[in-house]
């Protein structure tokens, strides 16, 4: 049996360019408690497959963990932007590719214990190369890898990014790659 926590009060305690943090005072089964929630506009992740059957992967430094990560191209949704529009825009901005075919694969909440972030994974094929349009603070190395190479890196722990693991394994499971 579950118990729905009723909000007594709520206030934003931090607001930045990527997310907000809202602090809730809630009624629980044992009394009152505080819940801190990261509010995020969501985003899209792209399993972008070249004509050779390789997947485009990005290598970039991630400050929270002080290390480089191999991950699928992804980006934050603009306000009121449809997820597929985010996918097409972010793929072009980060990789330079324009997808001729875009298909929704799966959507998920990556961290439902403390965030409302909702992510959407898209398969992108029939790619046409164009120019990248990185944000001024982005530094990304693009790598093309066969799906089995990525899966091997998931097995060995070289790829630990959850959206990449979900995207590649889901696409493989659905026979899309």
C-alpha atoms as a PDB file:
ATOM      1  CA  UNK A   1       0.000   0.000   0.000  1.00  0.00           C
ATOM      2  CA  UNK A   2       1.321   3.455  -0.871  1.00  0.00           C
ATOM      3  CA  UNK A   3       0.695   6.762   0.830  1.00  0.00           C
ATOM      4  CA  UNK A   4       0.495   9.947  -1.207  1.00  0.00           C
ATOM      5  CA  UNK A   5       2.458  12.780   0.361  1.00  0.00           C
ATOM      6  CA  UNK A   6       0.365  15.967   0.554  1.00  0.00           C
ATOM      7  CA  UNK A   7       2.212  19.242   0.004  1.00  0.00           C
ATOM      8  CA  UNK A   8       1.860  21.682   2.883  1.00  0.00           C
ATOM      9  CA  UNK A   9       4.109  24.372   1.394  1.00  0.00           C
ATOM     10  CA  UNK A  10       6.495  24.752  -1.523  1.00  0.00           C
ATOM     11  CA  UNK A  11       9.147  27.295  -2.490  1.00  0.00           C
ATOM     12  CA  UNK A  12      11.930  27.611  -5.068  1.00  0.00           C
ATOM     13  CA  UNK A  13      15.283  27.778  -3.245  1.00  0.00           C
ATOM     14  CA  UNK A  14      17.535  27.839  -6.326  1.00  0.00           C
ATOM     15  CA  UNK A  15      16.972  28.786  -9.962  1.00  0.00           C
ATOM     16  CA  UNK A  16      19.729  28.407 -12.542  1.00  0.00           C
ATOM     17  CA  UNK A  17      19.963  28.135 -16.314  1.00  0.00           C
ATOM     18  CA  UNK A  18      19.536  24.335 -16.388  1.00  0.00           C
ATOM     19  CA  UNK A  19      17.235  23.528 -13.463  1.00  0.00           C
ATOM     20  CA  UNK A  20      15.435  24.797 -10.355  1.00  0.00           C
ATOM     21  CA  UNK A  21      15.385  23.301  -6.897  1.00  0.00           C
ATOM     22  CA  UNK A  22      12.038  23.401  -5.120  1.00  0.00           C
ATOM     23  CA  UNK A  23      11.740  22.638  -1.420  1.00  0.00           C
ATOM     24  CA  UNK A  24       8.477  21.035  -0.309  1.00  0.00           C
ATOM     25  CA  UNK A  25       7.158  20.546   3.186  1.00  0.00           C
ATOM     26  CA  UNK A  26       4.979  17.432   2.974  1.00  0.00           C
ATOM     27  CA  UNK A  27       2.660  15.407   5.169  1.00  0.00           C
ATOM     28  CA  UNK A  28       3.922  11.825   5.411  1.00  0.00           C
ATOM     29  CA  UNK A  29       2.597   8.737   7.109  1.00  0.00           C
ATOM     30  CA  UNK A  30       4.950   9.504  10.010  1.00  0.00           C
ATOM     31  CA  UNK A  31       4.343  13.263  10.254  1.00  0.00           C
ATOM     32  CA  UNK A  32       6.001  16.013   8.222  1.00  0.00           C
ATOM     33  CA  UNK A  33       9.146  15.909   6.103  1.00  0.00           C
ATOM     34  CA  UNK A  34      11.104  18.001   3.624  1.00  0.00           C
ATOM     35  CA  UNK A  35      11.476  16.981  -0.031  1.00  0.00           C
ATOM     36  CA  UNK A  36      13.958  18.759  -2.298  1.00  0.00           C
ATOM     37  CA  UNK A  37      13.029  18.359  -5.966  1.00  0.00           C
ATOM     38  CA  UNK A  38      15.128  19.225  -9.003  1.00  0.00           C
ATOM     39  CA  UNK A  39      12.802  20.680 -11.642  1.00  0.00           C
ATOM     40  CA  UNK A  40      14.078  20.210 -15.193  1.00  0.00           C
ATOM     41  CA  UNK A  41      12.474  20.875 -18.581  1.00  0.00           C
ATOM     42  CA  UNK A  42      13.455  17.440 -19.879  1.00  0.00           C
ATOM     43  CA  UNK A  43      15.355  16.602 -23.004  1.00  0.00           C
ATOM     44  CA  UNK A  44      16.065  14.312 -25.889  1.00  0.00           C
ATOM     45  CA  UNK A  45      18.719  11.708 -26.584  1.00  0.00           C
ATOM     46  CA  UNK A  46      19.612  10.595 -30.083  1.00  0.00           C
ATOM     47  CA  UNK A  47      20.752   7.165 -31.233  1.00  0.00           C
ATOM     48  CA  UNK A  48      22.133   8.571 -34.485  1.00  0.00           C
ATOM     49  CA  UNK A  49      23.117   5.820 -36.931  1.00  0.00           C
ATOM     50  CA  UNK A  50      25.315   6.481 -39.957  1.00  0.00           C
ATOM     51  CA  UNK A  51      24.873   4.747 -43.330  1.00  0.00           C
ATOM     52  CA  UNK A  52      27.752   2.447 -42.274  1.00  0.00           C
ATOM     53  CA  UNK A  53      25.761   1.314 -39.210  1.00  0.00           C
ATOM     54  CA  UNK A  54      27.893   3.224 -36.710  1.00  0.00           C
ATOM     55  CA  UNK A  55      26.414   5.194 -33.829  1.00  0.00           C
ATOM     56  CA  UNK A  56      27.601   8.723 -33.149  1.00  0.00           C
ATOM     57  CA  UNK A  57      28.934   9.040 -29.605  1.00  0.00           C
ATOM     58  CA  UNK A  58      30.255  12.127 -27.879  1.00  0.00           C
ATOM     59  CA  UNK A  59      33.210  12.280 -25.539  1.00  0.00           C
ATOM     60  CA  UNK A  60      33.033  15.186 -23.140  1.00  0.00           C
ATOM     61  CA  UNK A  61      34.175  16.238 -19.694  1.00  0.00           C
ATOM     62  CA  UNK A  62      31.471  16.158 -17.020  1.00  0.00           C
ATOM     63  CA  UNK A  63      32.204  18.440 -14.069  1.00  0.00           C
ATOM     64  CA  UNK A  64      30.025  16.679 -11.446  1.00  0.00           C
ATOM     65  CA  UNK A  65      32.218  13.567 -11.718  1.00  0.00           C
ATOM     66  CA  UNK A  66      35.456  15.273 -12.859  1.00  0.00           C
ATOM     67  CA  UNK A  67      35.961  12.920 -15.800  1.00  0.00           C
ATOM     68  CA  UNK A  68      35.283  12.331 -19.476  1.00  0.00           C
ATOM     69  CA  UNK A  69      32.175  10.410 -20.473  1.00  0.00           C
ATOM     70  CA  UNK A  70      31.217   8.601 -23.657  1.00  0.00           C
ATOM     71  CA  UNK A  71      27.559   9.322 -24.286  1.00  0.00           C
ATOM     72  CA  UNK A  72      24.927   9.654 -26.952  1.00  0.00           C
ATOM     73  CA  UNK A  73      24.210  13.169 -28.206  1.00  0.00           C
ATOM     74  CA  UNK A  74      21.560  14.767 -26.023  1.00  0.00           C
ATOM     75  CA  UNK A  75      20.160  18.105 -25.080  1.00  0.00           C
ATOM     76  CA  UNK A  76      17.745  20.013 -22.899  1.00  0.00           C
ATOM     77  CA  UNK A  77      14.345  20.979 -24.229  1.00  0.00           C
ATOM     78  CA  UNK A  78      13.584  24.649 -24.760  1.00  0.00           C
ATOM     79  CA  UNK A  79      10.407  25.888 -23.029  1.00  0.00           C
ATOM     80  CA  UNK A  80       7.275  24.296 -24.575  1.00  0.00           C
ATOM     81  CA  UNK A  81       9.383  22.492 -27.198  1.00  0.00           C
ATOM     82  CA  UNK A  82       8.178  19.107 -28.426  1.00  0.00           C
ATOM     83  CA  UNK A  83      10.700  16.312 -27.696  1.00  0.00           C
ATOM     84  CA  UNK A  84      11.162  15.367 -31.368  1.00  0.00           C
ATOM     85  CA  UNK A  85      11.955  19.007 -32.186  1.00  0.00           C
ATOM     86  CA  UNK A  86      14.523  18.983 -29.374  1.00  0.00           C
ATOM     87  CA  UNK A  87      16.068  15.794 -30.808  1.00  0.00           C
ATOM     88  CA  UNK A  88      16.380  17.179 -34.333  1.00  0.00           C
ATOM     89  CA  UNK A  89      17.731  20.541 -33.120  1.00  0.00           C
ATOM     90  CA  UNK A  90      20.229  19.091 -30.652  1.00  0.00           C
ATOM     91  CA  UNK A  91      21.522  16.475 -33.117  1.00  0.00           C
ATOM     92  CA  UNK A  92      22.248  19.237 -35.614  1.00  0.00           C
ATOM     93  CA  UNK A  93      23.757  21.607 -33.038  1.00  0.00           C
ATOM     94  CA  UNK A  94      26.037  19.017 -31.406  1.00  0.00           C
ATOM     95  CA  UNK A  95      27.037  16.797 -34.336  1.00  0.00           C
ATOM     96  CA  UNK A  96      26.250  18.769 -37.466  1.00  0.00           C
ATOM     97  CA  UNK A  97      24.025  15.952 -38.738  1.00  0.00           C
ATOM     98  CA  UNK A  98      20.477  16.387 -39.985  1.00  0.00           C
ATOM     99  CA  UNK A  99      18.327  13.257 -39.699  1.00  0.00           C
ATOM    100  CA  UNK A 100      16.090  12.273 -42.594  1.00  0.00           C
ATOM    101  CA  UNK A 101      14.315   9.707 -40.433  1.00  0.00           C
ATOM    102  CA  UNK A 102      13.458  10.223 -36.740  1.00  0.00           C
ATOM    103  CA  UNK A 103      11.622   7.611 -34.668  1.00  0.00           C
ATOM    104  CA  UNK A 104      10.688   7.714 -30.989  1.00  0.00           C
ATOM    105  CA  UNK A 105      12.086   4.711 -29.089  1.00  0.00           C
ATOM    106  CA  UNK A 106      11.350   5.176 -25.382  1.00  0.00           C
ATOM    107  CA  UNK A 107      10.828   7.825 -22.689  1.00  0.00           C
ATOM    108  CA  UNK A 108      11.832   7.568 -19.042  1.00  0.00           C
ATOM    109  CA  UNK A 109      12.421   9.362 -15.731  1.00  0.00           C
ATOM    110  CA  UNK A 110      16.162   8.974 -14.981  1.00  0.00           C
ATOM    111  CA  UNK A 111      16.015   9.964 -11.293  1.00  0.00           C
ATOM    112  CA  UNK A 112      12.422   9.913 -10.007  1.00  0.00           C
ATOM    113  CA  UNK A 113      13.562  10.021  -6.376  1.00  0.00           C
ATOM    114  CA  UNK A 114      14.557  13.692  -6.565  1.00  0.00           C
ATOM    115  CA  UNK A 115      13.796  15.086 -10.030  1.00  0.00           C
ATOM    116  CA  UNK A 116      10.898  15.509 -12.452  1.00  0.00           C
ATOM    117  CA  UNK A 117      13.232  15.284 -15.481  1.00  0.00           C
ATOM    118  CA  UNK A 118      11.635  13.270 -18.310  1.00  0.00           C
ATOM    119  CA  UNK A 119      13.835  12.130 -21.205  1.00  0.00           C
ATOM    120  CA  UNK A 120      12.936  10.908 -24.700  1.00  0.00           C
ATOM    121  CA  UNK A 121      15.165   8.706 -26.845  1.00  0.00           C
ATOM    122  CA  UNK A 122      14.976   8.884 -30.626  1.00  0.00           C
ATOM    123  CA  UNK A 123      16.478   6.776 -33.376  1.00  0.00           C
ATOM    124  CA  UNK A 124      17.932   9.049 -36.066  1.00  0.00           C
ATOM    125  CA  UNK A 125      18.867   7.661 -39.487  1.00  0.00           C
ATOM    126  CA  UNK A 126      19.424   8.868 -43.053  1.00  0.00           C
ATOM    127  CA  UNK A 127      21.934  11.400 -41.775  1.00  0.00           C
ATOM    128  CA  UNK A 128      23.194  14.310 -43.845  1.00  0.00           C
ATOM    129  CA  UNK A 129      26.373  15.993 -42.637  1.00  0.00           C
ATOM    130  CA  UNK A 130      26.236  19.720 -41.973  1.00  0.00           C
ATOM    131  CA  UNK A 131      27.922  22.202 -39.645  1.00  0.00           C
ATOM    132  CA  UNK A 132      27.966  21.891 -35.870  1.00  0.00           C
ATOM    133  CA  UNK A 133      26.596  24.778 -33.805  1.00  0.00           C
ATOM    134  CA  UNK A 134      28.095  24.223 -30.366  1.00  0.00           C
ATOM    135  CA  UNK A 135      27.280  26.453 -27.431  1.00  0.00           C
ATOM    136  CA  UNK A 136      30.227  28.691 -26.552  1.00  0.00           C
ATOM    137  CA  UNK A 137      31.073  26.550 -23.523  1.00  0.00           C
ATOM    138  CA  UNK A 138      30.845  23.134 -25.241  1.00  0.00           C
ATOM    139  CA  UNK A 139      33.866  21.040 -26.156  1.00  0.00           C
ATOM    140  CA  UNK A 140      32.823  17.710 -27.662  1.00  0.00           C
ATOM    141  CA  UNK A 141      34.791  15.004 -29.457  1.00  0.00           C
ATOM    142  CA  UNK A 142      32.614  13.064 -31.896  1.00  0.00           C
ATOM    143  CA  UNK A 143      33.304   9.338 -32.267  1.00  0.00           C
ATOM    144  CA  UNK A 144      31.574   6.796 -34.505  1.00  0.00           C
ATOM    145  CA  UNK A 145      31.287   3.294 -33.054  1.00  0.00           C
ATOM    146  CA  UNK A 146      29.551   0.096 -34.060  1.00  0.00           C
ATOM    147  CA  UNK A 147      26.722  -0.942 -31.711  1.00  0.00           C
ATOM    148  CA  UNK A 148      28.629  -4.029 -30.516  1.00  0.00           C
ATOM    149  CA  UNK A 149      31.623  -1.834 -29.600  1.00  0.00           C
ATOM    150  CA  UNK A 150      29.365   0.358 -27.476  1.00  0.00           C
ATOM    151  CA  UNK A 151      27.739  -2.655 -25.832  1.00  0.00           C
ATOM    152  CA  UNK A 152      31.189  -4.047 -24.991  1.00  0.00           C
ATOM    153  CA  UNK A 153      32.113  -0.700 -23.378  1.00  0.00           C
ATOM    154  CA  UNK A 154      28.875  -0.869 -21.373  1.00  0.00           C
ATOM    155  CA  UNK A 155      29.824  -4.385 -20.203  1.00  0.00           C
ATOM    156  CA  UNK A 156      33.328  -3.312 -19.160  1.00  0.00           C
ATOM    157  CA  UNK A 157      32.111  -0.149 -17.413  1.00  0.00           C
ATOM    158  CA  UNK A 158      33.804   2.233 -19.842  1.00  0.00           C
ATOM    159  CA  UNK A 159      30.345   3.632 -20.624  1.00  0.00           C
ATOM    160  CA  UNK A 160      28.432   4.497 -17.456  1.00  0.00           C
ATOM    161  CA  UNK A 161      26.015   7.160 -18.686  1.00  0.00           C
ATOM    162  CA  UNK A 162      22.462   5.914 -18.047  1.00  0.00           C
ATOM    163  CA  UNK A 163      20.818   7.554 -21.057  1.00  0.00           C
ATOM    164  CA  UNK A 164      23.433   6.006 -23.343  1.00  0.00           C
ATOM    165  CA  UNK A 165      23.037   2.566 -21.795  1.00  0.00           C
ATOM    166  CA  UNK A 166      19.242   2.752 -22.067  1.00  0.00           C
ATOM    167  CA  UNK A 167      19.298   4.158 -25.604  1.00  0.00           C
ATOM    168  CA  UNK A 168      21.730   1.670 -27.108  1.00  0.00           C
ATOM    169  CA  UNK A 169      20.409  -1.414 -25.319  1.00  0.00           C
ATOM    170  CA  UNK A 170      16.789  -0.470 -26.059  1.00  0.00           C
ATOM    171  CA  UNK A 171      17.555   0.132 -29.758  1.00  0.00           C
ATOM    172  CA  UNK A 172      19.385  -3.203 -29.905  1.00  0.00           C
ATOM    173  CA  UNK A 173      16.559  -5.018 -28.093  1.00  0.00           C
ATOM    174  CA  UNK A 174      14.034  -3.567 -30.583  1.00  0.00           C
ATOM    175  CA  UNK A 175      16.269  -4.599 -33.548  1.00  0.00           C
ATOM    176  CA  UNK A 176      16.696  -0.973 -34.620  1.00  0.00           C
ATOM    177  CA  UNK A 177      20.500  -1.174 -34.703  1.00  0.00           C
END
